[in-house]
PDB file of N, CA and C in Angstrom:
ATOM      1  N   MET A   1       0.827  -1.165   0.000  1.00  0.00           N
ATOM      2  CA  MET A   1       0.000   0.000   0.000  1.00  0.00           C
ATOM      3  C   MET A   1       0.887   1.249   0.000  1.00  0.00           C
ATOM      4  N   LYS A   2       0.466   2.268  -0.749  1.00  0.00           N
ATOM      5  CA  LYS A   2       1.242   3.502  -0.803  1.00  0.00           C
ATOM      6  C   LYS A   2       1.147   4.255   0.515  1.00  0.00           C
ATOM      7  N   LYS A   3       2.249   4.865   0.892  1.00  0.00           N
ATOM      8  CA  LYS A   3       2.287   5.638   2.126  1.00  0.00           C
ATOM      9  C   LYS A   3       1.840   7.063   1.866  1.00  0.00           C
ATOM     10  N   GLU A   4       1.259   7.676   2.906  1.00  0.00           N
ATOM     11  CA  GLU A   4       0.871   9.079   2.929  1.00  0.00           C
ATOM     12  C   GLU A   4      -0.197   9.454   1.897  1.00  0.00           C
ATOM     13  N   ILE A   5      -1.068   8.514   1.519  1.00  0.00           N
ATOM     14  CA  ILE A   5      -2.177   8.872   0.630  1.00  0.00           C
ATOM     15  C   ILE A   5      -3.514   8.855   1.364  1.00  0.00           C
ATOM     16  N   HIS A   6      -3.537   8.309   2.579  1.00  0.00           N
ATOM     17  CA  HIS A   6      -4.765   8.238   3.357  1.00  0.00           C
ATOM     18  C   HIS A   6      -4.792   9.346   4.404  1.00  0.00           C
ATOM     19  N   PRO A   7      -5.969   9.889   4.688  1.00  0.00           N
ATOM     20  CA  PRO A   7      -6.052  10.960   5.697  1.00  0.00           C
ATOM     21  C   PRO A   7      -5.678  10.456   7.088  1.00  0.00           C
ATOM     22  N   ASN A   8      -5.144  11.360   7.880  1.00  0.00           N
ATOM     23  CA  ASN A   8      -4.721  11.010   9.239  1.00  0.00           C
ATOM     24  C   ASN A   8      -5.741  11.400  10.295  1.00  0.00           C
ATOM     25  N   ASN A   9      -6.792  12.107   9.925  1.00  0.00           N
ATOM     26  CA  ASN A   9      -7.716  12.647  10.927  1.00  0.00           C
ATOM     27  C   ASN A   9      -8.988  11.819  11.096  1.00  0.00           C
ATOM     28  N   TYR A  10      -8.891  10.498  11.036  1.00  0.00           N
ATOM     29  CA  TYR A  10     -10.049   9.660  11.344  1.00  0.00           C
ATOM     30  C   TYR A  10     -10.391   9.811  12.817  1.00  0.00           C
ATOM     31  N   ARG A  11     -11.683   9.953  13.098  1.00  0.00           N
ATOM     32  CA  ARG A  11     -12.135  10.092  14.481  1.00  0.00           C
ATOM     33  C   ARG A  11     -13.563   9.576  14.570  1.00  0.00           C
ATOM     34  N   PRO A  12     -14.045   9.248  15.753  1.00  0.00           N
ATOM     35  CA  PRO A  12     -15.448   8.828  15.896  1.00  0.00           C
ATOM     36  C   PRO A  12     -16.384  10.000  15.601  1.00  0.00           C
ATOM     37  N   VAL A  13     -17.421   9.727  14.805  1.00  0.00           N
ATOM     38  CA  VAL A  13     -18.414  10.727  14.425  1.00  0.00           C
ATOM     39  C   VAL A  13     -19.789  10.108  14.603  1.00  0.00           C
ATOM     40  N   VAL A  14     -20.753  10.900  15.089  1.00  0.00           N
ATOM     41  CA  VAL A  14     -22.128  10.431  15.235  1.00  0.00           C
ATOM     42  C   VAL A  14     -22.911  10.825  13.985  1.00  0.00           C
ATOM     43  N   PHE A  15     -23.572   9.834  13.378  1.00  0.00           N
ATOM     44  CA  PHE A  15     -24.463  10.068  12.246  1.00  0.00           C
ATOM     45  C   PHE A  15     -25.890   9.894  12.740  1.00  0.00           C
ATOM     46  N   LYS A  16     -26.761  10.870  12.458  1.00  0.00           N
ATOM     47  CA  LYS A  16     -28.130  10.846  12.950  1.00  0.00           C
ATOM     48  C   LYS A  16     -29.101  10.854  11.774  1.00  0.00           C
ATOM     49  N   ASP A  17     -29.982   9.858  11.742  1.00  0.00           N
ATOM     50  CA  ASP A  17     -31.036   9.779  10.735  1.00  0.00           C
ATOM     51  C   ASP A  17     -32.171  10.691  11.183  1.00  0.00           C
ATOM     52  N   MET A  18     -32.459  11.739  10.428  1.00  0.00           N
ATOM     53  CA  MET A  18     -33.444  12.728  10.834  1.00  0.00           C
ATOM     54  C   MET A  18     -34.883  12.240  10.673  1.00  0.00           C
ATOM     55  N   SER A  19     -35.108  11.179   9.914  1.00  0.00           N
ATOM     56  CA  SER A  19     -36.479  10.709   9.727  1.00  0.00           C
ATOM     57  C   SER A  19     -36.966   9.841  10.876  1.00  0.00           C
ATOM     58  N   ASN A  20     -36.053   9.161  11.585  1.00  0.00           N
ATOM     59  CA  ASN A  20     -36.489   8.332  12.710  1.00  0.00           C
ATOM     60  C   ASN A  20     -35.630   8.518  13.965  1.00  0.00           C
ATOM     61  N   GLU A  21     -34.762   9.536  13.951  1.00  0.00           N
ATOM     62  CA  GLU A  21     -33.953   9.913  15.118  1.00  0.00           C
ATOM     63  C   GLU A  21     -32.957   8.831  15.555  1.00  0.00           C
ATOM     64  N   GLU A  22     -32.678   7.851  14.726  1.00  0.00           N
ATOM     65  CA  GLU A  22     -31.697   6.818  15.082  1.00  0.00           C
ATOM     66  C   GLU A  22     -30.289   7.364  14.882  1.00  0.00           C
ATOM     67  N   ILE A  23     -29.383   7.008  15.786  1.00  0.00           N
ATOM     68  CA  ILE A  23     -28.005   7.465  15.691  1.00  0.00           C
ATOM     69  C   ILE A  23     -27.066   6.264  15.682  1.00  0.00           C
ATOM     70  N   PHE A  24     -25.907   6.449  15.053  1.00  0.00           N
ATOM     71  CA  PHE A  24     -24.854   5.451  15.128  1.00  0.00           C
ATOM     72  C   PHE A  24     -23.510   6.155  15.056  1.00  0.00           C
ATOM     73  N   ILE A  25     -22.511   5.524  15.653  1.00  0.00           N
ATOM     74  CA  ILE A  25     -21.171   6.096  15.719  1.00  0.00           C
ATOM     75  C   ILE A  25     -20.267   5.299  14.797  1.00  0.00           C
ATOM     76  N   SER A  26     -19.536   6.024  13.973  1.00  0.00           N
ATOM     77  CA  SER A  26     -18.587   5.404  13.054  1.00  0.00           C
ATOM     78  C   SER A  26     -17.372   6.319  12.953  1.00  0.00           C
ATOM     79  N   ARG A  27     -16.291   5.796  12.434  1.00  0.00           N
ATOM     80  CA  ARG A  27     -15.109   6.618  12.240  1.00  0.00           C
ATOM     81  C   ARG A  27     -15.177   7.276  10.877  1.00  0.00           C
ATOM     82  N   SER A  28     -14.820   8.565  10.823  1.00  0.00           N
ATOM     83  CA  SER A  28     -14.912   9.314   9.582  1.00  0.00           C
ATOM     84  C   SER A  28     -13.985  10.521   9.625  1.00  0.00           C
ATOM     85  N   THR A  29     -13.766  11.112   8.460  1.00  0.00           N
ATOM     86  CA  THR A  29     -13.003  12.353   8.352  1.00  0.00           C
ATOM     87  C   THR A  29     -13.900  13.523   7.978  1.00  0.00           C
ATOM     88  N   VAL A  30     -15.207  13.316   7.925  1.00  0.00           N
ATOM     89  CA  VAL A  30     -16.144  14.351   7.502  1.00  0.00           C
ATOM     90  C   VAL A  30     -16.111  15.539   8.460  1.00  0.00           C
ATOM     91  N   ASN A  31     -16.236  16.750   7.894  1.00  0.00           N
ATOM     92  CA  ASN A  31     -16.301  17.960   8.715  1.00  0.00           C
ATOM     93  C   ASN A  31     -17.721  18.135   9.223  1.00  0.00           C
ATOM     94  N   ALA A  32     -17.862  18.415  10.499  1.00  0.00           N
ATOM     95  CA  ALA A  32     -19.181  18.581  11.102  1.00  0.00           C
ATOM     96  C   ALA A  32     -19.236  19.918  11.829  1.00  0.00           C
ATOM     97  N   LYS A  33     -20.374  20.602  11.689  1.00  0.00           N
ATOM     98  CA  LYS A  33     -20.541  21.901  12.337  1.00  0.00           C
ATOM     99  C   LYS A  33     -21.163  21.778  13.719  1.00  0.00           C
ATOM    100  N   GLU A  34     -21.877  20.682  13.956  1.00  0.00           N
ATOM    101  CA  GLU A  34     -22.562  20.501  15.233  1.00  0.00           C
ATOM    102  C   GLU A  34     -21.897  19.392  16.031  1.00  0.00           C
ATOM    103  N   THR A  35     -22.200  19.364  17.335  1.00  0.00           N
ATOM    104  CA  THR A  35     -21.707  18.302  18.204  1.00  0.00           C
ATOM    105  C   THR A  35     -22.873  17.739  19.000  1.00  0.00           C
ATOM    106  N   ILE A  36     -22.655  16.546  19.545  1.00  0.00           N
ATOM    107  CA  ILE A  36     -23.651  15.894  20.388  1.00  0.00           C
ATOM    108  C   ILE A  36     -22.902  15.156  21.491  1.00  0.00           C
ATOM    109  N   GLU A  37     -23.511  15.100  22.669  1.00  0.00           N
ATOM    110  CA  GLU A  37     -22.903  14.391  23.791  1.00  0.00           C
ATOM    111  C   GLU A  37     -23.630  13.075  24.017  1.00  0.00           C
ATOM    112  N   ILE A  38     -22.873  11.989  24.009  1.00  0.00           N
ATOM    113  CA  ILE A  38     -23.411  10.649  24.245  1.00  0.00           C
ATOM    114  C   ILE A  38     -22.553   9.996  25.319  1.00  0.00           C
ATOM    115  N   ASP A  39     -23.184   9.583  26.394  1.00  0.00           N
ATOM    116  CA  ASP A  39     -22.496   8.929  27.517  1.00  0.00           C
ATOM    117  C   ASP A  39     -21.323   9.760  28.036  1.00  0.00           C
ATOM    118  N   GLY A  40     -21.496  11.068  28.077  1.00  0.00           N
ATOM    119  CA  GLY A  40     -20.471  11.939  28.616  1.00  0.00           C
ATOM    120  C   GLY A  40     -19.344  12.284  27.666  1.00  0.00           C
ATOM    121  N   ILE A  41     -19.403  11.816  26.435  1.00  0.00           N
ATOM    122  CA  ILE A  41     -18.370  12.097  25.441  1.00  0.00           C
ATOM    123  C   ILE A  41     -18.983  12.956  24.339  1.00  0.00           C
ATOM    124  N   THR A  42     -18.294  14.012  23.947  1.00  0.00           N
ATOM    125  CA  THR A  42     -18.774  14.899  22.887  1.00  0.00           C
ATOM    126  C   THR A  42     -18.210  14.443  21.549  1.00  0.00           C
ATOM    127  N   TYR A  43     -19.124  14.245  20.582  1.00  0.00           N
ATOM    128  CA  TYR A  43     -18.762  13.799  19.242  1.00  0.00           C
ATOM    129  C   TYR A  43     -19.226  14.835  18.213  1.00  0.00           C
ATOM    130  N   PRO A  44     -18.556  14.906  17.059  1.00  0.00           N
ATOM    131  CA  PRO A  44     -19.097  15.692  15.950  1.00  0.00           C
ATOM    132  C   PRO A  44     -20.386  15.024  15.458  1.00  0.00           C
ATOM    133  N   LEU A  45     -21.372  15.821  15.028  1.00  0.00           N
ATOM    134  CA  LEU A  45     -22.669  15.309  14.598  1.00  0.00           C
ATOM    135  C   LEU A  45     -22.896  15.604  13.125  1.00  0.00           C
ATOM    136  N   VAL A  46     -23.274  14.564  12.369  1.00  0.00           N
ATOM    137  CA  VAL A  46     -23.636  14.707  10.960  1.00  0.00           C
ATOM    138  C   VAL A  46     -25.079  14.244  10.817  1.00  0.00           C
ATOM    139  N   LYS A  47     -25.944  15.124  10.312  1.00  0.00           N
ATOM    140  CA  LYS A  47     -27.358  14.792  10.142  1.00  0.00           C
ATOM    141  C   LYS A  47     -27.595  14.289   8.726  1.00  0.00           C
ATOM    142  N   LEU A  48     -28.332  13.168   8.624  1.00  0.00           N
ATOM    143  CA  LEU A  48     -28.620  12.549   7.337  1.00  0.00           C
ATOM    144  C   LEU A  48     -30.122  12.472   7.118  1.00  0.00           C
ATOM    145  N   GLU A  49     -30.556  12.593   5.880  1.00  0.00           N
ATOM    146  CA  GLU A  49     -31.977  12.478   5.557  1.00  0.00           C
ATOM    147  C   GLU A  49     -32.446  11.026   5.602  1.00  0.00           C
ATOM    148  N   ILE A  50     -31.595  10.097   5.151  1.00  0.00           N
ATOM    149  CA  ILE A  50     -31.999   8.699   5.078  1.00  0.00           C
ATOM    150  C   ILE A  50     -30.780   7.811   5.313  1.00  0.00           C
ATOM    151  N   THR A  51     -30.987   6.723   6.046  1.00  0.00           N
ATOM    152  CA  THR A  51     -29.939   5.733   6.287  1.00  0.00           C
ATOM    153  C   THR A  51     -30.548   4.351   6.096  1.00  0.00           C
ATOM    154  N   SER A  52     -29.784   3.331   6.377  1.00  0.00           N
ATOM    155  CA  SER A  52     -30.314   1.971   6.257  1.00  0.00           C
ATOM    156  C   SER A  52     -31.417   1.708   7.272  1.00  0.00           C
ATOM    157  N   ALA A  53     -31.494   2.517   8.327  1.00  0.00           N
ATOM    158  CA  ALA A  53     -32.538   2.357   9.337  1.00  0.00           C
ATOM    159  C   ALA A  53     -33.890   2.868   8.858  1.00  0.00           C
ATOM    160  N   SER A  54     -33.906   3.710   7.814  1.00  0.00           N
ATOM    161  CA  SER A  54     -35.171   4.257   7.334  1.00  0.00           C
ATOM    162  C   SER A  54     -35.414   4.027   5.847  1.00  0.00           C
ATOM    163  N   HIS A  55     -34.448   3.489   5.123  1.00  0.00           N
ATOM    164  CA  HIS A  55     -34.610   3.268   3.679  1.00  0.00           C
ATOM    165  C   HIS A  55     -35.534   2.078   3.432  1.00  0.00           C
ATOM    166  N   PRO A  56     -36.510   2.205   2.529  1.00  0.00           N
ATOM    167  CA  PRO A  56     -37.466   1.115   2.279  1.00  0.00           C
ATOM    168  C   PRO A  56     -36.811  -0.196   1.842  1.00  0.00           C
ATOM    169  N   PHE A  57     -35.698  -0.151   1.150  1.00  0.00           N
ATOM    170  CA  PHE A  57     -35.037  -1.379   0.728  1.00  0.00           C
ATOM    171  C   PHE A  57     -34.588  -2.211   1.927  1.00  0.00           C
ATOM    172  N   TYR A  58     -34.079  -1.569   2.954  1.00  0.00           N
ATOM    173  CA  TYR A  58     -33.577  -2.274   4.127  1.00  0.00           C
ATOM    174  C   TYR A  58     -34.660  -2.577   5.151  1.00  0.00           C
ATOM    175  N   THR A  59     -35.661  -1.728   5.247  1.00  0.00           N
ATOM    176  CA  THR A  59     -36.696  -1.922   6.258  1.00  0.00           C
ATOM    177  C   THR A  59     -37.842  -2.791   5.765  1.00  0.00           C
ATOM    178  N   GLY A  60     -38.046  -2.866   4.450  1.00  0.00           N
ATOM    179  CA  GLY A  60     -39.157  -3.635   3.898  1.00  0.00           C
ATOM    180  C   GLY A  60     -40.476  -2.900   3.979  1.00  0.00           C
ATOM    181  N   LYS A  61     -40.461  -1.657   4.394  1.00  0.00           N
ATOM    182  CA  LYS A  61     -41.674  -0.849   4.517  1.00  0.00           C
ATOM    183  C   LYS A  61     -41.625   0.281   3.499  1.00  0.00           C
ATOM    184  N   GLN A  62     -42.751   0.547   2.877  1.00  0.00           N
ATOM    185  CA  GLN A  62     -42.839   1.683   1.974  1.00  0.00           C
ATOM    186  C   GLN A  62     -43.281   2.881   2.787  1.00  0.00           C
ATOM    187  N   LYS A  63     -42.419   3.845   2.961  1.00  0.00           N
ATOM    188  CA  LYS A  63     -42.703   5.004   3.793  1.00  0.00           C
ATOM    189  C   LYS A  63     -42.266   6.247   3.043  1.00  0.00           C
ATOM    190  N   LEU A  64     -43.177   7.184   2.888  1.00  0.00           N
ATOM    191  CA  LEU A  64     -42.870   8.422   2.197  1.00  0.00           C
ATOM    192  C   LEU A  64     -42.590   9.512   3.220  1.00  0.00           C
ATOM    193  N   VAL A  65     -41.367  10.008   3.212  1.00  0.00           N
ATOM    194  CA  VAL A  65     -40.983  11.077   4.114  1.00  0.00           C
ATOM    195  C   VAL A  65     -40.808  12.331   3.272  1.00  0.00           C
ATOM    196  N   ASP A  66     -41.672  13.300   3.472  1.00  0.00           N
ATOM    197  CA  ASP A  66     -41.621  14.537   2.706  1.00  0.00           C
ATOM    198  C   ASP A  66     -41.308  15.672   3.672  1.00  0.00           C
ATOM    199  N   THR A  67     -40.055  16.087   3.691  1.00  0.00           N
ATOM    200  CA  THR A  67     -39.644  17.085   4.657  1.00  0.00           C
ATOM    201  C   THR A  67     -39.781  18.507   4.149  1.00  0.00           C
ATOM    202  N   ALA A  68     -39.889  18.683   2.840  1.00  0.00           N
ATOM    203  CA  ALA A  68     -39.911  20.049   2.323  1.00  0.00           C
ATOM    204  C   ALA A  68     -41.095  20.313   1.398  1.00  0.00           C
ATOM    205  N   GLY A  69     -42.133  19.468   1.418  1.00  0.00           N
ATOM    206  CA  GLY A  69     -43.290  19.676   0.561  1.00  0.00           C
ATOM    207  C   GLY A  69     -43.021  19.389  -0.898  1.00  0.00           C
ATOM    208  N   ARG A  70     -41.990  18.600  -1.178  1.00  0.00           N
ATOM    209  CA  ARG A  70     -41.615  18.339  -2.569  1.00  0.00           C
ATOM    210  C   ARG A  70     -42.653  17.511  -3.308  1.00  0.00           C
ATOM    211  N   VAL A  71     -43.295  16.578  -2.618  1.00  0.00           N
ATOM    212  CA  VAL A  71     -44.305  15.743  -3.270  1.00  0.00           C
ATOM    213  C   VAL A  71     -45.511  16.597  -3.656  1.00  0.00           C
ATOM    214  N   ASP A  72     -45.952  17.462  -2.775  1.00  0.00           N
ATOM    215  CA  ASP A  72     -47.081  18.342  -3.080  1.00  0.00           C
ATOM    216  C   ASP A  72     -46.753  19.274  -4.238  1.00  0.00           C
ATOM    217  N   LYS A  73     -45.550  19.787  -4.264  1.00  0.00           N
ATOM    218  CA  LYS A  73     -45.131  20.673  -5.340  1.00  0.00           C
ATOM    219  C   LYS A  73     -45.123  19.922  -6.679  1.00  0.00           C
ATOM    220  N   PHE A  74     -44.620  18.694  -6.668  1.00  0.00           N
ATOM    221  CA  PHE A  74     -44.595  17.887  -7.881  1.00  0.00           C
ATOM    222  C   PHE A  74     -46.018  17.591  -8.361  1.00  0.00           C
ATOM    223  N   MET A  75     -46.888  17.203  -7.430  1.00  0.00           N
ATOM    224  CA  MET A  75     -48.259  16.864  -7.806  1.00  0.00           C
ATOM    225  C   MET A  75     -49.005  18.081  -8.340  1.00  0.00           C
ATOM    226  N   SER A  76     -48.742  19.263  -7.799  1.00  0.00           N
ATOM    227  CA  SER A  76     -49.423  20.453  -8.305  1.00  0.00           C
ATOM    228  C   SER A  76     -48.954  20.807  -9.709  1.00  0.00           C
ATOM    229  N   ARG A  77     -47.712  20.493 -10.033  1.00  0.00           N
ATOM    230  CA  ARG A  77     -47.205  20.778 -11.372  1.00  0.00           C
ATOM    231  C   ARG A  77     -47.589  19.707 -12.386  1.00  0.00           C
ATOM    232  N   TYR A  78     -47.378  18.446 -12.024  1.00  0.00           N
ATOM    233  CA  TYR A  78     -47.475  17.373 -13.007  1.00  0.00           C
ATOM    234  C   TYR A  78     -48.580  16.361 -12.739  1.00  0.00           C
ATOM    235  N   GLY A  79     -49.287  16.485 -11.650  1.00  0.00           N
ATOM    236  CA  GLY A  79     -50.297  15.503 -11.283  1.00  0.00           C
ATOM    237  C   GLY A  79     -51.497  15.469 -12.209  1.00  0.00           C
ATOM    238  N   GLU A  80     -51.805  16.565 -12.869  1.00  0.00           N
ATOM    239  CA  GLU A  80     -52.982  16.658 -13.726  1.00  0.00           C
ATOM    240  C   GLU A  80     -52.720  16.175 -15.151  1.00  0.00           C
ATOM    241  N   ARG A  81     -51.508  15.871 -15.516  1.00  0.00           N
ATOM    242  CA  ARG A  81     -51.158  15.528 -16.898  1.00  0.00           C
ATOM    243  C   ARG A  81     -51.820  14.254 -17.404  1.00  0.00           C
ATOM    244  N   ASN A  82     -51.904  13.233 -16.597  1.00  0.00           N
ATOM    245  CA  ASN A  82     -52.383  11.933 -17.061  1.00  0.00           C
ATOM    246  C   ASN A  82     -53.887  11.757 -16.957  1.00  0.00           C
ATOM    247  N   LYS A  83     -54.603  12.718 -16.443  1.00  0.00           N
ATOM    248  CA  LYS A  83     -56.053  12.614 -16.341  1.00  0.00           C
ATOM    249  C   LYS A  83     -56.680  12.823 -17.715  1.00  0.00           C
ATOM    250  N   LYS A  84     -57.649  11.981 -18.036  1.00  0.00           N
ATOM    251  CA  LYS A  84     -58.314  12.096 -19.324  1.00  0.00           C
ATOM    252  C   LYS A  84     -59.357  13.213 -19.287  1.00  0.00           C
ATOM    253  N   LYS A  85     -59.469  13.915 -20.384  1.00  0.00           N
ATOM    254  CA  LYS A  85     -60.398  15.040 -20.477  1.00  0.00           C
ATOM    255  C   LYS A  85     -61.761  14.601 -20.909  1.00  0.00           C
TER     256      LYS A  85
END
């Protein structure tokens, strides 16, 4: 393996799924603006929209999470196209 091509700043980071509030700790080099305290230890916090804990492929459940009204906006624009006159 080549030397000095991998980052040196790996550290524990908390990833939080915003759709179901599940968290997990993994090592990463990602920059985080927020922090969270778990069991008395402060970790950098990265918020995610979807993870394996909430993705329909992994959970087996079809669940629509619309956080910004995108589905309503799409339906108002394109929902009327397929209706017969």
